[in-house]
């Protein structure tokens, strides 16, 4: 083996996917050729989507089938080049465990799907202050890494996972799906091929019958994301609420005029109710503004809330706060 070949080999990650069931196909280590094509296609799309999600829309890894693979194979071996980025991709997908998501839950996409126990993800909540996200289920919330949340709520990613795990096992008795992360053992010559004799299993992720069924029934529809950020800024109040409630206020913010805003600062509401005469339409205020953006598919709605009024930028005789 040349130095260049060794370098390329050392910069690769090897893993396999396998399917098992009590039938006359997988039990005898056979798989339909068309089904094999679908497995490879969905794996390629899944890896590409994860790679671009965690590496700022850049494609940094390349997926190969590790020859020889034929239609009669049960275990499908893959190879990913660019080991460092490839391992991060596998960790975020939940094909492997490691440092990439360990700072938070240590769990990737497949782990999160197992934790949902078949419950639909109703909403994902994120903030500008944290690298964590909250997945809202029916009666439960899960805290995960933001990038994991972006992947697990992506309808196309969930469809790839469904096609990769559940579809090849549909209608099978005692179905089982496995992903094995492998470590290539040193070879004495350059003619070595991918087989169990020259690889060592490092990690295995398994989906049993109930988990395969869960993936089969998993919802594919888009999941709304609610992103919240708070910032100190200057706004102009253009309408006040004469009822003293949180609703009924309007402001000018940036290039947006007369937009509705909820006022959450009870102390400010009390102060302005005491001295409404001091207010002038268009008065400037330094505030802590909360911007809540709800995104579903390509539709976006924005809600504004004033959390705290810090300063009324007016003369001392008119200053409300």
Protein backbone atom coordinates (compact mmCIF):
# COMPACT_ATOMS: atom_id res chain seq x y z
CA UNK A 1 0.00 0.00 0.00
CA UNK A 2 1.42 3.39 -1.00
CA UNK A 3 1.75 6.29 1.44
CA UNK A 4 -1.05 8.12 -0.39
CA UNK A 5 -3.35 5.10 -0.13
CA UNK A 6 -2.55 4.72 3.57
CA UNK A 7 -3.28 8.41 4.18
CA UNK A 8 -6.62 8.12 2.40
CA UNK A 9 -7.45 4.98 4.36
CA UNK A 10 -6.58 6.62 7.68
CA UNK A 11 -8.86 9.54 6.81
CA UNK A 12 -11.91 7.33 6.28
CA UNK A 13 -14.77 6.10 8.45
CA UNK A 14 -16.34 2.70 7.73
CA UNK A 15 -19.79 1.58 8.78
CA UNK A 16 -22.45 -0.89 7.69
CA UNK A 17 -26.23 -1.10 7.75
CA UNK A 18 -27.86 -4.50 8.05
CA UNK A 19 -31.37 -5.94 8.00
CA UNK A 20 -32.59 -9.13 9.61
CA UNK A 21 -35.94 -10.91 9.78
CA UNK A 22 -37.38 -14.41 9.97
CA UNK A 23 -38.17 -14.94 6.30
CA UNK A 24 -36.77 -16.49 3.14
CA UNK A 25 -35.00 -13.29 2.08
CA UNK A 26 -33.03 -11.52 4.83
CA UNK A 27 -32.66 -14.73 6.86
CA UNK A 28 -30.84 -16.17 3.84
CA UNK A 29 -28.73 -13.04 3.35
CA UNK A 30 -30.55 -11.82 0.25
CA UNK A 31 -31.97 -8.40 -0.60
CA UNK A 32 -33.86 -7.17 -3.65
CA UNK A 33 -31.67 -5.17 -6.05
CA UNK A 34 -34.21 -2.32 -6.30
CA UNK A 35 -34.39 -2.17 -2.52
CA UNK A 36 -30.60 -1.97 -2.33
CA UNK A 37 -30.65 1.05 -4.65
CA UNK A 38 -33.21 2.76 -2.38
CA UNK A 39 -31.08 2.06 0.70
CA UNK A 40 -27.98 3.58 -0.90
CA UNK A 41 -29.91 6.59 -2.24
CA UNK A 42 -31.51 7.40 1.11
CA UNK A 43 -28.21 6.97 2.96
CA UNK A 44 -26.53 9.37 0.51
CA UNK A 45 -29.29 11.98 0.91
CA UNK A 46 -29.29 11.61 4.70
CA UNK A 47 -25.51 12.03 4.98
CA UNK A 48 -25.55 15.04 2.62
CA UNK A 49 -28.35 16.80 4.52
CA UNK A 50 -26.66 16.23 7.87
CA UNK A 51 -23.28 17.37 6.51
CA UNK A 52 -24.66 20.64 5.13
CA UNK A 53 -26.69 21.28 8.30
CA UNK A 54 -23.77 20.99 10.72
CA UNK A 55 -21.06 22.41 8.45
CA UNK A 56 -22.71 25.70 7.44
CA UNK A 57 -24.23 24.59 4.14
CA UNK A 58 -20.94 23.15 2.90
CA UNK A 59 -20.49 19.60 1.61
CA UNK A 60 -17.40 18.32 3.42
CA UNK A 61 -17.66 14.52 3.26
CA UNK A 62 -18.06 12.01 0.45
CA UNK A 63 -19.92 8.71 0.75
CA UNK A 64 -18.80 5.55 -1.04
CA UNK A 65 -20.04 2.00 -1.22
CA UNK A 66 -17.25 -0.25 -0.03
CA UNK A 67 -16.89 -2.92 -2.75
CA UNK A 68 -17.82 -5.64 -3.26
CA UNK A 69 -21.58 -5.18 -2.84
CA UNK A 70 -24.06 -7.24 -4.81
CA UNK A 71 -27.82 -7.71 -4.80
CA UNK A 72 -27.38 -10.84 -2.71
CA UNK A 73 -25.81 -8.98 0.18
CA UNK A 74 -27.59 -8.49 3.47
CA UNK A 75 -25.05 -6.18 5.07
CA UNK A 76 -24.34 -3.00 3.11
CA UNK A 77 -20.87 -1.51 3.79
CA UNK A 78 -20.22 2.23 3.40
CA UNK A 79 -17.13 4.41 3.56
CA UNK A 80 -16.98 8.14 4.38
CA UNK A 81 -13.92 10.21 3.53
CA UNK A 82 -12.67 13.14 5.66
CA UNK A 83 -12.74 11.30 8.97
CA UNK A 84 -13.09 14.25 11.37
CA UNK A 85 -16.10 15.80 9.66
CA UNK A 86 -17.49 12.37 8.81
CA UNK A 87 -17.47 11.34 12.46
CA UNK A 88 -19.30 14.55 13.39
CA UNK A 89 -21.96 13.76 10.78
CA UNK A 90 -22.39 10.22 12.14
CA UNK A 91 -22.57 11.49 15.73
CA UNK A 92 -25.25 14.08 14.93
CA UNK A 93 -27.28 11.46 13.08
CA UNK A 94 -26.93 9.07 16.02
CA UNK A 95 -24.96 6.47 14.05
CA UNK A 96 -22.15 6.90 16.59
CA UNK A 97 -21.62 8.52 20.00
CA UNK A 98 -18.89 11.04 20.69
CA UNK A 99 -17.85 14.59 21.40
CA UNK A 100 -19.90 16.39 18.73
CA UNK A 101 -23.12 16.46 20.75
CA UNK A 102 -21.76 15.42 24.16
CA UNK A 103 -21.77 19.00 25.43
CA UNK A 104 -25.56 18.83 25.52
CA UNK A 105 -27.51 15.56 25.64
CA UNK A 106 -24.89 13.42 23.94
CA UNK A 107 -27.70 12.17 21.70
CA UNK A 108 -28.06 12.24 17.93
CA UNK A 109 -31.12 12.04 15.68
CA UNK A 110 -31.74 8.30 16.04
CA UNK A 111 -31.44 8.51 19.84
CA UNK A 112 -33.94 11.38 19.93
CA UNK A 113 -36.41 9.47 17.75
CA UNK A 114 -36.19 6.53 20.15
CA UNK A 115 -36.83 8.89 23.09
CA UNK A 116 -40.01 10.24 21.49
CA UNK A 117 -41.48 6.70 21.72
CA UNK A 118 -43.61 7.39 18.67
CA UNK A 119 -45.02 10.73 19.87
CA UNK A 120 -45.20 13.43 17.21
CA UNK A 121 -42.96 16.47 17.58
CA UNK A 122 -45.45 19.33 17.80
CA UNK A 123 -42.98 22.22 17.89
CA UNK A 124 -39.29 23.03 18.26
CA UNK A 125 -38.34 26.00 20.43
CA UNK A 126 -35.00 27.83 20.13
CA UNK A 127 -33.48 31.00 21.56
CA UNK A 128 -30.55 33.19 20.58
CA UNK A 129 -29.03 32.69 24.05
CA UNK A 130 -28.51 28.93 23.88
CA UNK A 131 -27.16 26.19 21.60
CA UNK A 132 -29.90 23.91 22.91
CA UNK A 133 -33.40 23.47 21.54
CA UNK A 134 -36.60 22.17 23.12
CA UNK A 135 -38.73 19.60 21.30
CA UNK A 136 -42.36 19.85 22.39
CA UNK A 137 -44.22 16.53 22.39
CA UNK A 138 -47.69 15.70 23.69
CA UNK A 139 -47.24 16.16 27.45
CA UNK A 140 -43.45 16.06 27.33
CA UNK A 141 -40.42 18.16 26.35
CA UNK A 142 -36.96 17.02 25.25
CA UNK A 143 -33.83 19.17 25.36
CA UNK A 144 -31.44 18.52 22.47
CA UNK A 145 -28.62 20.18 20.54
CA UNK A 146 -29.86 22.83 18.09
CA UNK A 147 -28.37 21.08 15.06
CA UNK A 148 -29.87 17.76 16.13
CA UNK A 149 -33.24 19.52 16.46
CA UNK A 150 -32.87 20.99 12.98
CA UNK A 151 -32.18 17.53 11.56
CA UNK A 152 -34.83 15.59 13.49
CA UNK A 153 -37.57 18.08 12.56
CA UNK A 154 -36.58 18.20 8.88
CA UNK A 155 -39.31 16.37 6.96
CA UNK A 156 -36.89 15.17 4.27
CA UNK A 157 -34.44 13.82 6.88
CA UNK A 158 -37.26 11.90 8.61
CA UNK A 159 -38.38 10.54 5.25
CA UNK A 160 -34.82 9.36 4.49
CA UNK A 161 -34.66 7.64 7.88
CA UNK A 162 -38.04 6.02 7.33
CA UNK A 163 -37.00 4.77 3.89
CA UNK A 164 -33.67 3.56 5.25
CA UNK A 165 -34.88 1.76 8.38
CA UNK A 166 -38.55 0.82 8.02
CA UNK A 167 -39.29 0.36 4.32
CA UNK A 168 -36.85 -2.55 3.70
CA UNK A 169 -38.37 -4.35 6.73
CA UNK A 170 -42.03 -3.67 5.95
CA UNK A 171 -44.18 -6.78 6.49
CA UNK A 172 -41.24 -8.81 7.84
CA UNK A 173 -41.44 -11.10 10.88
CA UNK A 174 -39.16 -10.11 13.80
CA UNK A 175 -37.52 -7.24 11.87
CA UNK A 176 -34.22 -5.80 13.07
CA UNK A 177 -32.09 -2.94 11.75
CA UNK A 178 -28.46 -2.30 12.71
CA UNK A 179 -25.81 0.30 12.00
CA UNK A 180 -22.28 -0.80 12.85
CA UNK A 181 -19.39 1.62 13.07
CA UNK A 182 -16.22 -0.25 12.14
CA UNK A 183 -12.52 0.18 12.71
CA UNK A 184 -10.32 -1.08 9.88
CA UNK A 185 -7.55 -3.33 11.15
CA UNK A 186 -4.02 -2.95 9.73
CA UNK A 187 -3.48 -4.92 6.53
CA UNK A 188 -0.24 -6.61 5.51
CA UNK A 189 -0.73 -5.78 1.84
CA UNK A 190 -2.76 -3.47 -0.35
CA UNK A 191 -5.13 -6.15 -1.65
CA UNK A 192 -7.28 -6.16 1.49
CA UNK A 193 -11.05 -6.01 0.93
CA UNK A 194 -13.85 -4.97 3.26
CA UNK A 195 -14.93 -8.03 5.23
CA UNK A 196 -15.50 -9.13 8.81
CA UNK A 197 -12.02 -10.65 9.04
CA UNK A 198 -10.19 -7.33 8.65
CA UNK A 199 -12.60 -5.03 10.49
CA UNK A 200 -13.40 -4.57 14.13
CA UNK A 201 -16.82 -3.49 15.37
CA UNK A 202 -16.62 -0.30 17.43
CA UNK A 203 -20.26 0.69 18.02
CA UNK A 204 -23.65 -0.72 17.09
CA UNK A 205 -27.01 1.04 16.97
CA UNK A 206 -29.96 -1.36 16.88
CA UNK A 207 -33.66 -0.90 16.11
CA UNK A 208 -35.83 -3.84 17.20
CA UNK A 209 -39.35 -4.70 16.07
CA UNK A 210 -41.22 -2.04 18.09
CA UNK A 211 -38.72 0.67 17.15
CA UNK A 212 -38.86 -0.24 13.46
CA UNK A 213 -42.66 0.00 13.70
CA UNK A 214 -42.32 3.41 15.37
CA UNK A 215 -40.17 4.68 12.47
CA UNK A 216 -42.64 3.21 9.96
CA UNK A 217 -45.51 5.20 11.55
CA UNK A 218 -43.47 8.37 12.16
CA UNK A 219 -45.07 11.62 10.95
CA UNK A 220 -43.29 13.22 7.99
CA UNK A 221 -45.13 16.56 7.96
CA UNK A 222 -43.20 19.82 8.64
CA UNK A 223 -42.67 20.83 12.29
CA UNK A 224 -43.06 24.51 13.26
CA UNK A 225 -40.04 26.24 14.80
CA UNK A 226 -40.50 29.02 17.33
CA UNK A 227 -37.34 31.11 17.73
CA UNK A 228 -37.05 33.72 20.47
CA UNK A 229 -34.43 36.42 20.81
CA UNK A 230 -34.17 39.38 23.17
CA UNK A 231 -32.25 42.56 22.45
CA UNK A 232 -31.78 46.02 23.91
CA UNK A 233 -32.92 48.54 21.33
CA UNK A 234 -34.69 51.86 20.79
CA UNK A 235 -38.31 51.98 19.67
CA UNK A 236 -40.92 54.71 19.25
CA UNK A 237 -44.33 54.13 20.82
CA UNK A 238 -47.02 55.28 18.42
CA UNK A 239 -50.09 54.05 20.30
CA UNK A 240 -50.73 53.31 23.97
CA UNK A 241 -53.36 51.12 25.58
CA UNK A 242 -55.82 53.26 27.51
CA UNK A 243 -57.20 50.13 29.21
CA UNK A 244 -53.89 49.51 30.96
CA UNK A 245 -53.59 46.04 29.47
CA UNK A 246 -50.64 44.36 27.73
CA UNK A 247 -52.47 44.52 24.39
CA UNK A 248 -53.32 47.53 22.26
CA UNK A 249 -49.82 49.05 21.99
CA UNK A 250 -48.10 49.96 18.73
CA UNK A 251 -44.54 50.97 17.92
CA UNK A 252 -42.08 51.91 15.22
CA UNK A 253 -39.07 49.61 15.14
CA UNK A 254 -36.36 49.81 12.51
CA UNK A 255 -38.10 50.32 9.18
CA UNK A 256 -41.42 48.96 10.48
CA UNK A 257 -44.07 51.48 11.50
CA UNK A 258 -47.21 51.11 13.62
CA UNK A 259 -46.67 47.44 14.34
CA UNK A 260 -48.50 45.77 17.22
CA UNK A 261 -46.43 45.04 20.30
CA UNK A 262 -47.28 43.39 23.60
CA UNK A 263 -46.10 45.32 26.67
CA UNK A 264 -45.06 42.99 29.51
CA UNK A 265 -43.51 45.62 31.83
CA UNK A 266 -46.23 46.08 34.48
CA UNK A 267 -44.32 48.83 36.28
CA UNK A 268 -44.15 50.93 33.09
CA UNK A 269 -47.86 50.41 32.47
CA UNK A 270 -48.57 51.66 36.00
CA UNK A 271 -46.34 54.71 35.49
CA UNK A 272 -47.85 55.71 32.16
CA UNK A 273 -51.38 55.29 33.54
CA UNK A 274 -50.48 57.75 36.30
CA UNK A 275 -49.30 60.39 33.84
CA UNK A 276 -50.75 59.81 30.37
CA UNK A 277 -50.43 63.52 29.59
CA UNK A 278 -46.64 63.19 29.57
CA UNK A 279 -46.78 60.77 26.63
CA UNK A 280 -46.34 62.04 23.08
CA UNK A 281 -46.93 59.89 20.03
CA UNK A 282 -43.55 58.88 18.65
CA UNK A 283 -41.67 59.21 21.96
CA UNK A 284 -38.48 57.16 21.97
CA UNK A 285 -37.80 54.48 24.58
CA UNK A 286 -34.84 52.22 25.33
CA UNK A 287 -36.33 48.77 25.84
CA UNK A 288 -35.61 45.08 26.04
CA UNK A 289 -37.50 43.77 23.02
CA UNK A 290 -38.45 40.12 22.59
CA UNK A 291 -38.88 38.96 18.99
CA UNK A 292 -40.68 35.63 18.56
CA UNK A 293 -40.56 34.16 15.05
CA UNK A 294 -42.70 31.15 14.14
CA UNK A 295 -41.67 29.35 10.96
CA UNK A 296 -43.62 26.54 9.29
CA UNK A 297 -42.34 25.37 5.92
CA UNK A 298 -41.64 28.73 4.24
CA UNK A 299 -44.27 30.76 6.09
CA UNK A 300 -43.08 33.07 8.86
CA UNK A 301 -44.97 35.08 11.47
CA UNK A 302 -43.32 37.50 13.91
CA UNK A 303 -44.58 38.65 17.31
CA UNK A 304 -43.04 41.52 19.33
CA UNK A 305 -43.08 41.94 23.11
CA UNK A 306 -41.53 44.69 25.24
CA UNK A 307 -40.10 42.86 28.25
CA UNK A 308 -38.78 45.95 30.04
CA UNK A 309 -38.78 49.69 29.42
CA UNK A 310 -35.39 51.01 30.56
CA UNK A 311 -35.55 54.70 29.67
CA UNK A 312 -37.98 57.28 28.31
CA UNK A 313 -35.90 59.50 26.01
CA UNK A 314 -37.69 62.74 26.81
CA UNK A 315 -37.08 65.94 28.77
CA UNK A 316 -36.97 65.58 32.55
CA UNK A 317 -40.41 67.17 32.99
CA UNK A 318 -42.03 64.57 30.72
CA UNK A 319 -39.89 61.56 31.57
CA UNK A 320 -42.13 58.66 32.57
CA UNK A 321 -39.36 56.28 33.56
